[in-house]
Amino acid sequence: MDNTRMSRINRLIQKEISDLFRQQTQSLPGTLITVTSVTVSPDLGVARVRLSIFPSEKAEELLASIRANTKAIRYDLGGRVGKQLRKLPELTFFIDDSLDYLERIDSLLGLKE
């Protein structure tokens, strides 16, 4: 499939899921869930959604909750992008720990005090 179309689909899904999480986390003060990237397979069958969760101590607990509610999230996403996408991909969620990794490197190098 065309690269431009795939990147547009990735950005659309990322924007809409981010908006869904923003609405859901308003009731959880001190919690921030950011969708760092979305990668959709070429056949539009699967979307890999990478999440950055703050505070990172709650990351595994929130990820388990998100994975348990994947069907509801996909249903809400379908209501938002149903007119733009013919086939809505299955969603798989992963933790994006790149920021934690960078902080660890900085602390090991002594750059962060």
Protein backbone atom coordinates (compact mmCIF):
# COMPACT_ATOMS: atom_id res chain seq x y z
CA MET A 1 0.00 0.00 0.00
CA ASP A 2 1.13 3.56 -0.60
CA ASN A 3 3.49 4.91 2.07
CA THR A 4 1.66 8.23 2.27
CA ARG A 5 -1.66 6.50 2.86
CA MET A 6 -0.17 4.24 5.56
CA SER A 7 1.36 7.19 7.41
CA ARG A 8 -1.98 9.03 7.24
CA ILE A 9 -3.78 6.02 8.68
CA ASN A 10 -1.15 5.71 11.43
CA ARG A 11 -1.52 9.39 12.36
CA LEU A 12 -5.33 9.22 12.27
CA ILE A 13 -5.47 6.23 14.61
CA GLN A 14 -2.82 7.78 16.89
CA LYS A 15 -4.76 11.05 17.14
CA GLU A 16 -8.10 9.39 17.85
CA ILE A 17 -6.75 6.93 20.42
CA SER A 18 -4.86 9.77 22.12
CA ASP A 19 -8.09 11.72 22.35
CA LEU A 20 -9.90 8.69 23.80
CA PHE A 21 -7.21 8.21 26.46
CA ARG A 22 -7.18 11.93 27.26
CA GLN A 23 -10.91 11.81 27.97
CA GLN A 24 -10.61 8.64 30.05
CA THR A 25 -7.67 9.82 32.17
CA GLN A 26 -9.32 13.09 33.19
CA SER A 27 -10.88 11.14 36.06
CA LEU A 28 -7.43 9.87 37.15
CA PRO A 29 -5.48 12.84 38.53
CA GLY A 30 -1.72 12.53 38.20
CA THR A 31 -1.90 9.95 35.42
CA LEU A 32 -0.85 10.64 31.85
CA ILE A 33 -1.12 8.21 28.95
CA THR A 34 0.54 9.27 25.71
CA VAL A 35 0.30 7.39 22.42
CA THR A 36 3.87 7.64 21.15
CA SER A 37 3.36 5.78 17.88
CA VAL A 38 0.99 3.60 15.90
CA THR A 39 2.12 1.15 13.25
CA VAL A 40 -0.55 -0.49 11.12
CA SER A 41 0.23 -3.64 9.16
CA PRO A 42 0.03 -3.32 5.35
CA ASP A 43 -3.21 -5.32 5.20
CA LEU A 44 -4.78 -3.06 7.89
CA GLY A 45 -5.31 -6.12 10.07
CA VAL A 46 -3.31 -5.16 13.15
CA ALA A 47 -2.30 -1.84 14.69
CA ARG A 48 0.57 -1.83 17.18
CA VAL A 49 -0.02 1.04 19.61
CA ARG A 50 2.90 2.13 21.78
CA LEU A 51 2.01 3.93 24.99
CA SER A 52 4.05 6.03 27.35
CA ILE A 53 2.47 5.97 30.80
CA PHE A 54 3.30 8.39 33.61
CA PRO A 55 3.97 7.62 36.42
CA SER A 56 5.89 4.58 35.23
CA GLU A 57 5.17 2.75 38.50
CA LYS A 58 1.55 2.36 37.34
CA ALA A 59 2.49 1.37 33.78
CA GLU A 60 1.98 -2.39 34.03
CA GLU A 61 -1.28 -2.02 35.97
CA LEU A 62 -2.71 0.48 33.47
CA LEU A 63 -1.50 -1.55 30.48
CA ALA A 64 -3.30 -4.63 31.84
CA SER A 65 -6.46 -2.56 32.25
CA ILE A 66 -6.14 -1.17 28.72
CA ARG A 67 -5.60 -4.64 27.28
CA ALA A 68 -8.67 -5.90 29.14
CA ASN A 69 -10.73 -3.09 27.55
CA THR A 70 -9.32 -3.41 24.02
CA LYS A 71 -12.71 -4.30 22.53
CA ALA A 72 -14.38 -1.21 24.02
CA ILE A 73 -11.51 1.02 22.84
CA ARG A 74 -11.76 -0.46 19.34
CA TYR A 75 -15.53 0.09 19.34
CA ASP A 76 -15.10 3.75 20.36
CA LEU A 77 -12.36 4.16 17.75
CA GLY A 78 -14.67 2.67 15.11
CA GLY A 79 -17.30 5.27 15.94
CA ARG A 80 -14.76 8.02 15.35
CA VAL A 81 -13.03 6.77 12.18
CA GLY A 82 -15.73 4.52 10.72
CA LYS A 83 -16.40 6.86 7.81
CA GLN A 84 -12.69 7.16 6.95
CA LEU A 85 -11.54 3.54 7.18
CA ARG A 86 -13.32 0.60 5.65
CA LYS A 87 -11.58 -1.94 7.87
CA LEU A 88 -10.68 -1.14 11.46
CA PRO A 89 -7.53 -2.98 12.59
CA GLU A 90 -7.25 -5.08 15.74
CA LEU A 91 -5.43 -3.11 18.43
CA THR A 92 -2.41 -4.40 20.33
CA PHE A 93 -0.95 -2.24 23.07
CA PHE A 94 2.68 -2.08 24.20
CA ILE A 95 4.65 0.01 26.69
CA ASP A 96 7.09 2.44 25.08
CA ASP A 97 9.83 2.65 27.67
CA SER A 98 12.27 4.69 25.59
CA LEU A 99 12.05 7.68 27.95
CA ASP A 100 12.84 5.48 30.96
CA TYR A 101 15.75 4.03 29.00
CA LEU A 102 17.10 7.52 28.22
CA GLU A 103 16.80 8.56 31.88
CA ARG A 104 18.72 5.45 32.92
CA ILE A 105 21.51 6.18 30.45
CA ASP A 106 21.71 9.79 31.66
CA SER A 107 21.94 8.66 35.28
CA LEU A 108 24.65 6.11 34.44
CA LEU A 109 26.68 8.75 32.58
CA GLY A 110 26.22 11.20 35.41
CA LEU A 111 24.42 13.74 33.21
CA LYS A 112 21.37 13.83 35.44
CA GLU A 113 21.70 14.81 39.05
